[in-house]
Amino acid sequence: MSIATSPTAGSPTAAARRQTRIGLTLAAVIVTVWLAIHITGIFFWHWSLAMVPVAAVMVLVQTWLSTGLFIIAHDSMHGALAPGHPRLNRIVGAACLSLYACLSYATLLPQHHLHHRHAGGAGDPDFHGGDPSLIGWFGQFFRTYYSHGQIARITIVGLVYTLVLGAPLGNIAVFWAIPALGAVAQLFVFGTWLPHREGDEPFADRHRARSARIAPTLSLLTCFHFGGYHHEHHLSPGTPWWGLPARRRDYQASAHQFGNASGLKPHP
């Protein structure tokens, strides 16, 4: 059941309050766990052979949570984190991008809306620059979103961590840099390359996006549903990441009803 049609919501205003409550709660959980791993790993971690497997698990979890930070900011860009509260969306989104990799919310916001306006074509900052291969497209993606200003901000934070707070440089690399880079790859592969690349099957509509045919659990683990439900996101940008599976069920129910009413068989 979608957010907008939930019987517990009662009205669009109540639905927006519910969406805000759930979105902020999930965001708080993701940010809290991310901070716990970040602080523990960078400032309190002591290396030993026995702790290497534990560190590996922490890095994997932190990579997924770093992807989650970006997705929270992404929902904020669409006003989907806290509908009707643009300032709150902006504050939370900017904070999440800063934690993730010192990214600028003000810079990414117009770029992302250009992506939705010109998805999969000229004018789309996420689209490849003539080289649709995985490596070539990723290079274009990386150059678009990573700037000298961001590198300067990361450097300043790193210097504060090492020179002022005494954090080992290796810990910063393992528990912040590696998860951040892993999240870049995760966001690109599952949130951009797979949904928007050309294939044998034509795109369904002008959004030039497709959803991966994977189980909901795998969709959550890969890119917080932005791989498994990417087309649904383009159809309904105001639906938050956690509401995309329900949005698909709504679309399927509507297609089924339309098919029954018209005598046509709806697509699966």
C-alpha atoms as a PDB file:
ATOM      1  CA  MET A   1       0.000   0.000   0.000  1.00  0.00           C
ATOM      2  CA  SER A   2       1.406   3.363  -0.947  1.00  0.00           C
ATOM      3  CA  ILE A   3       1.994   6.230   1.428  1.00  0.00           C
ATOM      4  CA  ALA A   4      -0.569   8.436  -0.241  1.00  0.00           C
ATOM      5  CA  THR A   5      -3.365   5.863  -0.053  1.00  0.00           C
ATOM      6  CA  SER A   6      -2.693   4.381   3.362  1.00  0.00           C
ATOM      7  CA  PRO A   7      -5.960   3.916   5.255  1.00  0.00           C
ATOM      8  CA  THR A   8      -4.188   4.911   8.477  1.00  0.00           C
ATOM      9  CA  ALA A   9      -3.234   8.229   6.955  1.00  0.00           C
ATOM     10  CA  GLY A  10      -6.777   9.470   6.419  1.00  0.00           C
ATOM     11  CA  SER A  11      -5.786  12.539   4.394  1.00  0.00           C
ATOM     12  CA  PRO A  12      -2.843  13.879   2.403  1.00  0.00           C
ATOM     13  CA  THR A  13      -1.771  15.903   5.438  1.00  0.00           C
ATOM     14  CA  ALA A  14      -1.825  12.843   7.665  1.00  0.00           C
ATOM     15  CA  ALA A  15       0.003  10.868   4.961  1.00  0.00           C
ATOM     16  CA  ALA A  16       2.715  13.531   4.843  1.00  0.00           C
ATOM     17  CA  ARG A  17       3.071  13.436   8.630  1.00  0.00           C
ATOM     18  CA  ARG A  18       3.383   9.671   8.535  1.00  0.00           C
ATOM     19  CA  GLN A  19       5.960   9.853   5.742  1.00  0.00           C
ATOM     20  CA  THR A  20       7.947  12.432   7.706  1.00  0.00           C
ATOM     21  CA  ARG A  21       7.812  10.388  10.898  1.00  0.00           C
ATOM     22  CA  ILE A  22       8.975   7.182   9.241  1.00  0.00           C
ATOM     23  CA  GLY A  23      11.569   8.919   7.077  1.00  0.00           C
ATOM     24  CA  LEU A  24      13.169  10.828   9.949  1.00  0.00           C
ATOM     25  CA  THR A  25      13.161   7.743  12.180  1.00  0.00           C
ATOM     26  CA  LEU A  26      14.922   5.615   9.563  1.00  0.00           C
ATOM     27  CA  ALA A  27      17.328   8.461   8.822  1.00  0.00           C
ATOM     28  CA  ALA A  28      18.158   8.786  12.520  1.00  0.00           C
ATOM     29  CA  VAL A  29      18.878   5.049  12.764  1.00  0.00           C
ATOM     30  CA  ILE A  30      21.145   5.090   9.694  1.00  0.00           C
ATOM     31  CA  VAL A  31      23.030   8.200  10.833  1.00  0.00           C
ATOM     32  CA  THR A  32      23.417   6.920  14.414  1.00  0.00           C
ATOM     33  CA  VAL A  33      24.826   3.541  13.386  1.00  0.00           C
ATOM     34  CA  TRP A  34      27.064   5.195  10.776  1.00  0.00           C
ATOM     35  CA  LEU A  35      28.449   7.580  13.405  1.00  0.00           C
ATOM     36  CA  ALA A  36      28.975   4.739  15.886  1.00  0.00           C
ATOM     37  CA  ILE A  37      31.095   2.784  13.394  1.00  0.00           C
ATOM     38  CA  HIS A  38      32.861   5.922  12.177  1.00  0.00           C
ATOM     39  CA  ILE A  39      33.870   7.116  15.635  1.00  0.00           C
ATOM     40  CA  THR A  40      34.740   3.661  16.961  1.00  0.00           C
ATOM     41  CA  GLY A  41      36.770   2.706  13.901  1.00  0.00           C
ATOM     42  CA  ILE A  42      38.691   5.941  13.527  1.00  0.00           C
ATOM     43  CA  PHE A  43      39.353   6.925  17.142  1.00  0.00           C
ATOM     44  CA  PHE A  44      39.161   3.762  19.261  1.00  0.00           C
ATOM     45  CA  TRP A  45      40.122   0.886  16.977  1.00  0.00           C
ATOM     46  CA  HIS A  46      43.194  -1.156  17.927  1.00  0.00           C
ATOM     47  CA  TRP A  47      44.423  -3.558  15.293  1.00  0.00           C
ATOM     48  CA  SER A  48      45.221  -7.220  15.849  1.00  0.00           C
ATOM     49  CA  LEU A  49      45.045 -10.260  13.600  1.00  0.00           C
ATOM     50  CA  ALA A  50      41.953 -11.519  15.400  1.00  0.00           C
ATOM     51  CA  MET A  51      40.143  -8.225  14.795  1.00  0.00           C
ATOM     52  CA  VAL A  52      40.701  -8.113  11.022  1.00  0.00           C
ATOM     53  CA  PRO A  53      37.515 -10.115  10.214  1.00  0.00           C
ATOM     54  CA  VAL A  54      35.523  -7.830  12.524  1.00  0.00           C
ATOM     55  CA  ALA A  55      36.949  -4.775  10.774  1.00  0.00           C
ATOM     56  CA  ALA A  56      36.037  -6.259   7.383  1.00  0.00           C
ATOM     57  CA  VAL A  57      32.417  -6.700   8.469  1.00  0.00           C
ATOM     58  CA  MET A  58      32.357  -3.165   9.852  1.00  0.00           C
ATOM     59  CA  VAL A  59      33.653  -1.786   6.554  1.00  0.00           C
ATOM     60  CA  LEU A  60      30.991  -3.672   4.586  1.00  0.00           C
ATOM     61  CA  VAL A  61      28.230  -2.419   6.879  1.00  0.00           C
ATOM     62  CA  GLN A  62      29.653   1.118   6.767  1.00  0.00           C
ATOM     63  CA  THR A  63      29.741   1.012   2.967  1.00  0.00           C
ATOM     64  CA  TRP A  64      26.036   0.153   2.884  1.00  0.00           C
ATOM     65  CA  LEU A  65      25.252   2.824   5.488  1.00  0.00           C
ATOM     66  CA  SER A  66      27.248   5.385   3.491  1.00  0.00           C
ATOM     67  CA  THR A  67      25.031   4.570   0.522  1.00  0.00           C
ATOM     68  CA  GLY A  68      22.119   5.123   2.888  1.00  0.00           C
ATOM     69  CA  LEU A  69      23.402   8.593   3.800  1.00  0.00           C
ATOM     70  CA  PHE A  70      23.376   9.538   0.144  1.00  0.00           C
ATOM     71  CA  ILE A  71      19.888   8.093  -0.325  1.00  0.00           C
ATOM     72  CA  ILE A  72      18.570  10.137   2.625  1.00  0.00           C
ATOM     73  CA  ALA A  73      20.014  13.261   0.988  1.00  0.00           C
ATOM     74  CA  HIS A  74      18.493  12.171  -2.315  1.00  0.00           C
ATOM     75  CA  ASP A  75      15.048  11.879  -0.718  1.00  0.00           C
ATOM     76  CA  SER A  76      15.609  15.334   0.766  1.00  0.00           C
ATOM     77  CA  MET A  77      16.273  16.741  -2.711  1.00  0.00           C
ATOM     78  CA  HIS A  78      12.814  15.553  -3.766  1.00  0.00           C
ATOM     79  CA  GLY A  79      11.143  16.759  -0.564  1.00  0.00           C
ATOM     80  CA  ALA A  80      10.349  13.120   0.169  1.00  0.00           C
ATOM     81  CA  LEU A  81      12.112  12.924   3.537  1.00  0.00           C
ATOM     82  CA  ALA A  82       9.837  15.451   5.234  1.00  0.00           C
ATOM     83  CA  PRO A  83       7.067  16.599   2.849  1.00  0.00           C
ATOM     84  CA  GLY A  84       6.117  20.238   3.328  1.00  0.00           C
ATOM     85  CA  HIS A  85       9.289  21.051   5.298  1.00  0.00           C
ATOM     86  CA  PRO A  86      11.859  22.303   2.757  1.00  0.00           C
ATOM     87  CA  ARG A  87      14.236  23.705   5.371  1.00  0.00           C
ATOM     88  CA  LEU A  88      14.287  20.424   7.304  1.00  0.00           C
ATOM     89  CA  ASN A  89      14.884  18.490   4.094  1.00  0.00           C
ATOM     90  CA  ARG A  90      17.769  20.790   3.243  1.00  0.00           C
ATOM     91  CA  ILE A  91      19.371  20.592   6.700  1.00  0.00           C
ATOM     92  CA  VAL A  92      19.189  16.805   6.961  1.00  0.00           C
ATOM     93  CA  GLY A  93      20.262  16.304   3.351  1.00  0.00           C
ATOM     94  CA  ALA A  94      23.250  18.620   3.689  1.00  0.00           C
ATOM     95  CA  ALA A  95      24.309  16.964   6.959  1.00  0.00           C
ATOM     96  CA  CYS A  96      24.151  13.472   5.436  1.00  0.00           C
ATOM     97  CA  LEU A  97      26.215  14.470   2.395  1.00  0.00           C
ATOM     98  CA  SER A  98      28.788  16.130   4.658  1.00  0.00           C
ATOM     99  CA  LEU A  99      29.113  13.019   6.789  1.00  0.00           C
ATOM    100  CA  TYR A 100      29.288  10.759   3.763  1.00  0.00           C
ATOM    101  CA  ALA A 101      32.062  12.494   1.835  1.00  0.00           C
ATOM    102  CA  CYS A 102      31.966  16.271   2.388  1.00  0.00           C
ATOM    103  CA  LEU A 103      29.717  16.708  -0.648  1.00  0.00           C
ATOM    104  CA  SER A 104      27.840  19.946  -1.310  1.00  0.00           C
ATOM    105  CA  TYR A 105      24.055  19.659  -1.153  1.00  0.00           C
ATOM    106  CA  ALA A 106      23.646  23.003  -2.954  1.00  0.00           C
ATOM    107  CA  THR A 107      25.755  21.728  -5.857  1.00  0.00           C
ATOM    108  CA  LEU A 108      24.134  18.310  -6.159  1.00  0.00           C
ATOM    109  CA  LEU A 109      20.533  19.512  -5.892  1.00  0.00           C
ATOM    110  CA  PRO A 110      20.246  21.179  -9.343  1.00  0.00           C
ATOM    111  CA  GLN A 111      22.315  18.420 -10.952  1.00  0.00           C
ATOM    112  CA  HIS A 112      19.982  15.735  -9.713  1.00  0.00           C
ATOM    113  CA  HIS A 113      16.893  17.559 -10.921  1.00  0.00           C
ATOM    114  CA  LEU A 114      18.554  17.892 -14.323  1.00  0.00           C
ATOM    115  CA  HIS A 115      18.945  14.114 -14.287  1.00  0.00           C
ATOM    116  CA  HIS A 116      15.206  13.697 -13.837  1.00  0.00           C
ATOM    117  CA  ARG A 117      14.401  16.307 -16.476  1.00  0.00           C
ATOM    118  CA  HIS A 118      16.740  14.845 -19.115  1.00  0.00           C
ATOM    119  CA  ALA A 119      17.084  11.210 -17.985  1.00  0.00           C
ATOM    120  CA  GLY A 120      19.277   9.138 -20.258  1.00  0.00           C
ATOM    121  CA  GLY A 121      20.050  11.863 -22.793  1.00  0.00           C
ATOM    122  CA  ALA A 122      21.754  15.166 -23.515  1.00  0.00           C
ATOM    123  CA  GLY A 123      21.610  17.429 -20.499  1.00  0.00           C
ATOM    124  CA  ASP A 124      21.608  14.553 -17.995  1.00  0.00           C
ATOM    125  CA  PRO A 125      24.697  14.969 -15.755  1.00  0.00           C
ATOM    126  CA  ASP A 126      24.479  11.298 -14.764  1.00  0.00           C
ATOM    127  CA  PHE A 127      24.608  10.032 -18.344  1.00  0.00           C
ATOM    128  CA  HIS A 128      27.775   8.796 -20.050  1.00  0.00           C
ATOM    129  CA  GLY A 129      29.760  11.177 -22.214  1.00  0.00           C
ATOM    130  CA  GLY A 130      29.779   8.914 -25.255  1.00  0.00           C
ATOM    131  CA  ASP A 131      31.348   5.852 -23.618  1.00  0.00           C
ATOM    132  CA  PRO A 132      28.584   3.579 -22.268  1.00  0.00           C
ATOM    133  CA  SER A 133      30.997   0.985 -20.872  1.00  0.00           C
ATOM    134  CA  LEU A 134      31.038   0.467 -17.115  1.00  0.00           C
ATOM    135  CA  ILE A 135      34.499   2.015 -16.663  1.00  0.00           C
ATOM    136  CA  GLY A 136      33.997   4.875 -19.107  1.00  0.00           C
ATOM    137  CA  TRP A 137      30.616   5.820 -17.697  1.00  0.00           C
ATOM    138  CA  PHE A 138      31.911   5.610 -14.131  1.00  0.00           C
ATOM    139  CA  GLY A 139      34.743   7.991 -15.015  1.00  0.00           C
ATOM    140  CA  GLN A 140      32.230  10.523 -16.308  1.00  0.00           C
ATOM    141  CA  PHE A 141      30.056  10.030 -13.212  1.00  0.00           C
ATOM    142  CA  PHE A 142      33.015  10.510 -10.868  1.00  0.00           C
ATOM    143  CA  ARG A 143      34.231  13.666 -12.617  1.00  0.00           C
ATOM    144  CA  THR A 144      30.735  15.152 -12.463  1.00  0.00           C
ATOM    145  CA  TYR A 145      30.213  14.752  -8.721  1.00  0.00           C
ATOM    146  CA  TYR A 146      33.672  15.049  -7.177  1.00  0.00           C
ATOM    147  CA  SER A 147      35.247  18.507  -7.088  1.00  0.00           C
ATOM    148  CA  HIS A 148      38.383  20.223  -5.826  1.00  0.00           C
ATOM    149  CA  GLY A 149      36.269  21.852  -3.129  1.00  0.00           C
ATOM    150  CA  GLN A 150      35.193  18.471  -1.821  1.00  0.00           C
ATOM    151  CA  ILE A 151      38.784  17.206  -1.776  1.00  0.00           C
ATOM    152  CA  ALA A 152      39.802  20.337   0.149  1.00  0.00           C
ATOM    153  CA  ARG A 153      37.043  19.774   2.721  1.00  0.00           C
ATOM    154  CA  ILE A 154      38.023  16.104   3.147  1.00  0.00           C
ATOM    155  CA  THR A 155      41.655  17.148   3.597  1.00  0.00           C
ATOM    156  CA  ILE A 156      40.730  19.656   6.306  1.00  0.00           C
ATOM    157  CA  VAL A 157      38.668  17.066   8.187  1.00  0.00           C
ATOM    158  CA  GLY A 158      41.493  14.544   7.857  1.00  0.00           C
ATOM    159  CA  LEU A 159      44.008  17.020   9.251  1.00  0.00           C
ATOM    160  CA  VAL A 160      41.742  17.796  12.215  1.00  0.00           C
ATOM    161  CA  TYR A 161      41.262  14.073  12.852  1.00  0.00           C
ATOM    162  CA  THR A 162      45.011  13.333  12.769  1.00  0.00           C
ATOM    163  CA  LEU A 163      46.712  16.478  14.077  1.00  0.00           C
ATOM    164  CA  VAL A 164      44.120  17.676  16.586  1.00  0.00           C
ATOM    165  CA  LEU A 165      42.265  14.537  17.662  1.00  0.00           C
ATOM    166  CA  GLY A 166      45.118  12.067  17.195  1.00  0.00           C
ATOM    167  CA  ALA A 167      43.389   9.585  14.881  1.00  0.00           C
ATOM    168  CA  PRO A 168      45.663   7.165  13.003  1.00  0.00           C
ATOM    169  CA  LEU A 169      45.695   7.871   9.272  1.00  0.00           C
ATOM    170  CA  GLY A 170      45.206   4.169   8.530  1.00  0.00           C
ATOM    171  CA  ASN A 171      42.001   4.083  10.549  1.00  0.00           C
ATOM    172  CA  ILE A 172      40.656   7.067   8.601  1.00  0.00           C
ATOM    173  CA  ALA A 173      41.406   5.289   5.335  1.00  0.00           C
ATOM    174  CA  VAL A 174      39.828   1.989   6.401  1.00  0.00           C
ATOM    175  CA  PHE A 175      36.716   3.248   8.186  1.00  0.00           C
ATOM    176  CA  TRP A 176      35.894   6.376   6.167  1.00  0.00           C
ATOM    177  CA  ALA A 177      37.661   6.471   2.792  1.00  0.00           C
ATOM    178  CA  ILE A 178      37.102   2.845   1.790  1.00  0.00           C
ATOM    179  CA  PRO A 179      33.380   2.808   2.725  1.00  0.00           C
ATOM    180  CA  ALA A 180      32.851   6.138   0.930  1.00  0.00           C
ATOM    181  CA  LEU A 181      34.504   4.856  -2.250  1.00  0.00           C
ATOM    182  CA  GLY A 182      32.605   1.584  -1.991  1.00  0.00           C
ATOM    183  CA  ALA A 183      29.360   3.525  -1.715  1.00  0.00           C
ATOM    184  CA  VAL A 184      30.259   5.528  -4.846  1.00  0.00           C
ATOM    185  CA  ALA A 185      30.606   2.266  -6.756  1.00  0.00           C
ATOM    186  CA  GLN A 186      27.387   0.919  -5.235  1.00  0.00           C
ATOM    187  CA  LEU A 187      25.418   4.047  -6.106  1.00  0.00           C
ATOM    188  CA  PHE A 188      26.784   4.150  -9.635  1.00  0.00           C
ATOM    189  CA  VAL A 189      26.356   0.481 -10.562  1.00  0.00           C
ATOM    190  CA  PHE A 190      22.939  -0.125  -9.003  1.00  0.00           C
ATOM    191  CA  GLY A 191      21.526   3.406  -9.046  1.00  0.00           C
ATOM    192  CA  THR A 192      22.750   4.714 -12.411  1.00  0.00           C
ATOM    193  CA  TRP A 193      24.471   2.266 -14.769  1.00  0.00           C
ATOM    194  CA  LEU A 194      22.134  -0.712 -14.553  1.00  0.00           C
ATOM    195  CA  PRO A 195      18.865   1.313 -14.519  1.00  0.00           C
ATOM    196  CA  HIS A 196      19.801   3.704 -17.354  1.00  0.00           C
ATOM    197  CA  ARG A 197      22.041   1.750 -19.730  1.00  0.00           C
ATOM    198  CA  GLU A 198      20.755   0.777 -23.133  1.00  0.00           C
ATOM    199  CA  GLY A 199      19.775  -2.881 -23.545  1.00  0.00           C
ATOM    200  CA  ASP A 200      18.016  -5.280 -25.851  1.00  0.00           C
ATOM    201  CA  GLU A 201      14.715  -4.443 -24.180  1.00  0.00           C
ATOM    202  CA  PRO A 202      13.561  -0.871 -24.971  1.00  0.00           C
ATOM    203  CA  PHE A 203      12.777   1.568 -22.175  1.00  0.00           C
ATOM    204  CA  ALA A 204       9.124   1.704 -21.154  1.00  0.00           C
ATOM    205  CA  ASP A 205       8.754   5.492 -21.397  1.00  0.00           C
ATOM    206  CA  ARG A 206      10.484   8.862 -21.534  1.00  0.00           C
ATOM    207  CA  HIS A 207      12.142   8.299 -18.163  1.00  0.00           C
ATOM    208  CA  ARG A 208      14.557   5.896 -19.855  1.00  0.00           C
ATOM    209  CA  ALA A 209      14.878   3.908 -16.647  1.00  0.00           C
ATOM    210  CA  ARG A 210      14.301   0.298 -15.748  1.00  0.00           C
ATOM    211  CA  SER A 211      14.031  -1.580 -12.479  1.00  0.00           C
ATOM    212  CA  ALA A 212      16.250  -4.571 -11.755  1.00  0.00           C
ATOM    213  CA  ARG A 213      14.406  -7.861 -11.487  1.00  0.00           C
ATOM    214  CA  ILE A 214      15.664  -8.784  -8.053  1.00  0.00           C
ATOM    215  CA  ALA A 215      14.055  -9.680  -4.740  1.00  0.00           C
ATOM    216  CA  PRO A 216      13.095  -6.818  -2.394  1.00  0.00           C
ATOM    217  CA  THR A 217      15.715  -7.853   0.176  1.00  0.00           C
ATOM    218  CA  LEU A 218      18.473  -7.780  -2.431  1.00  0.00           C
ATOM    219  CA  SER A 219      17.135  -4.467  -3.717  1.00  0.00           C
ATOM    220  CA  LEU A 220      17.454  -3.027  -0.219  1.00  0.00           C
ATOM    221  CA  LEU A 221      20.979  -4.372   0.250  1.00  0.00           C
ATOM    222  CA  THR A 222      22.283  -3.186  -3.100  1.00  0.00           C
ATOM    223  CA  CYS A 223      21.082   0.419  -3.181  1.00  0.00           C
ATOM    224  CA  PHE A 224      18.193   1.034  -0.777  1.00  0.00           C
ATOM    225  CA  HIS A 225      15.683   0.040  -3.497  1.00  0.00           C
ATOM    226  CA  PHE A 226      17.068   2.417  -6.137  1.00  0.00           C
ATOM    227  CA  GLY A 227      18.143  -0.527  -8.264  1.00  0.00           C
ATOM    228  CA  GLY A 228      15.186  -2.825  -7.891  1.00  0.00           C
ATOM    229  CA  TYR A 229      12.648   0.000  -8.113  1.00  0.00           C
ATOM    230  CA  HIS A 230      14.393   2.679 -10.149  1.00  0.00           C
ATOM    231  CA  HIS A 231      11.652   3.103 -12.734  1.00  0.00           C
ATOM    232  CA  GLU A 232       9.120   3.500  -9.937  1.00  0.00           C
ATOM    233  CA  HIS A 233      11.289   6.250  -8.475  1.00  0.00           C
ATOM    234  CA  HIS A 234      11.269   8.177 -11.760  1.00  0.00           C
ATOM    235  CA  LEU A 235       7.504   7.740 -12.020  1.00  0.00           C
ATOM    236  CA  SER A 236       7.034   8.963  -8.452  1.00  0.00           C
ATOM    237  CA  PRO A 237      10.031  11.020  -7.207  1.00  0.00           C
ATOM    238  CA  GLY A 238       8.100  12.047  -4.099  1.00  0.00           C
ATOM    239  CA  THR A 239       8.003   8.458  -2.858  1.00  0.00           C
ATOM    240  CA  PRO A 240      10.811   7.827  -0.323  1.00  0.00           C
ATOM    241  CA  TRP A 241      13.184   4.898  -0.714  1.00  0.00           C
ATOM    242  CA  TRP A 242      11.354   2.765   1.842  1.00  0.00           C
ATOM    243  CA  GLY A 243       8.027   3.301   0.067  1.00  0.00           C
ATOM    244  CA  LEU A 244       9.092   2.173  -3.414  1.00  0.00           C
ATOM    245  CA  PRO A 245       8.042  -1.504  -3.074  1.00  0.00           C
ATOM    246  CA  ALA A 246       4.544  -0.374  -2.035  1.00  0.00           C
ATOM    247  CA  ARG A 247       4.479   2.079  -4.928  1.00  0.00           C
ATOM    248  CA  ARG A 248       5.122  -0.786  -7.353  1.00  0.00           C
ATOM    249  CA  ARG A 249       2.278  -2.789  -5.833  1.00  0.00           C
ATOM    250  CA  ASP A 250       0.001   0.212  -6.351  1.00  0.00           C
ATOM    251  CA  TYR A 251       1.027   0.486 -10.002  1.00  0.00           C
ATOM    252  CA  GLN A 252       0.497  -3.226 -10.518  1.00  0.00           C
ATOM    253  CA  ALA A 253      -2.927  -3.081  -8.862  1.00  0.00           C
ATOM    254  CA  SER A 254      -3.901  -0.134 -11.043  1.00  0.00           C
ATOM    255  CA  ALA A 255      -2.701  -1.930 -14.165  1.00  0.00           C
ATOM    256  CA  HIS A 256      -4.663  -5.013 -13.163  1.00  0.00           C
ATOM    257  CA  GLN A 257      -7.826  -2.979 -12.618  1.00  0.00           C
ATOM    258  CA  PHE A 258      -7.353  -1.178 -15.917  1.00  0.00           C
ATOM    259  CA  GLY A 259      -6.792  -4.484 -17.683  1.00  0.00           C
ATOM    260  CA  ASN A 260      -9.963  -5.978 -16.208  1.00  0.00           C
ATOM    261  CA  ALA A 261     -11.999  -2.903 -17.098  1.00  0.00           C
ATOM    262  CA  SER A 262     -10.704  -2.765 -20.678  1.00  0.00           C
ATOM    263  CA  GLY A 263     -10.604  -6.467 -21.304  1.00  0.00           C
ATOM    264  CA  LEU A 264      -6.820  -6.338 -21.744  1.00  0.00           C
ATOM    265  CA  LYS A 265      -4.369  -8.496 -19.917  1.00  0.00           C
ATOM    266  CA  PRO A 266      -2.112  -6.290 -17.718  1.00  0.00           C
ATOM    267  CA  HIS A 267       1.628  -6.671 -17.883  1.00  0.00           C
ATOM    268  CA  PRO A 268       3.204  -8.557 -14.953  1.00  0.00           C
END
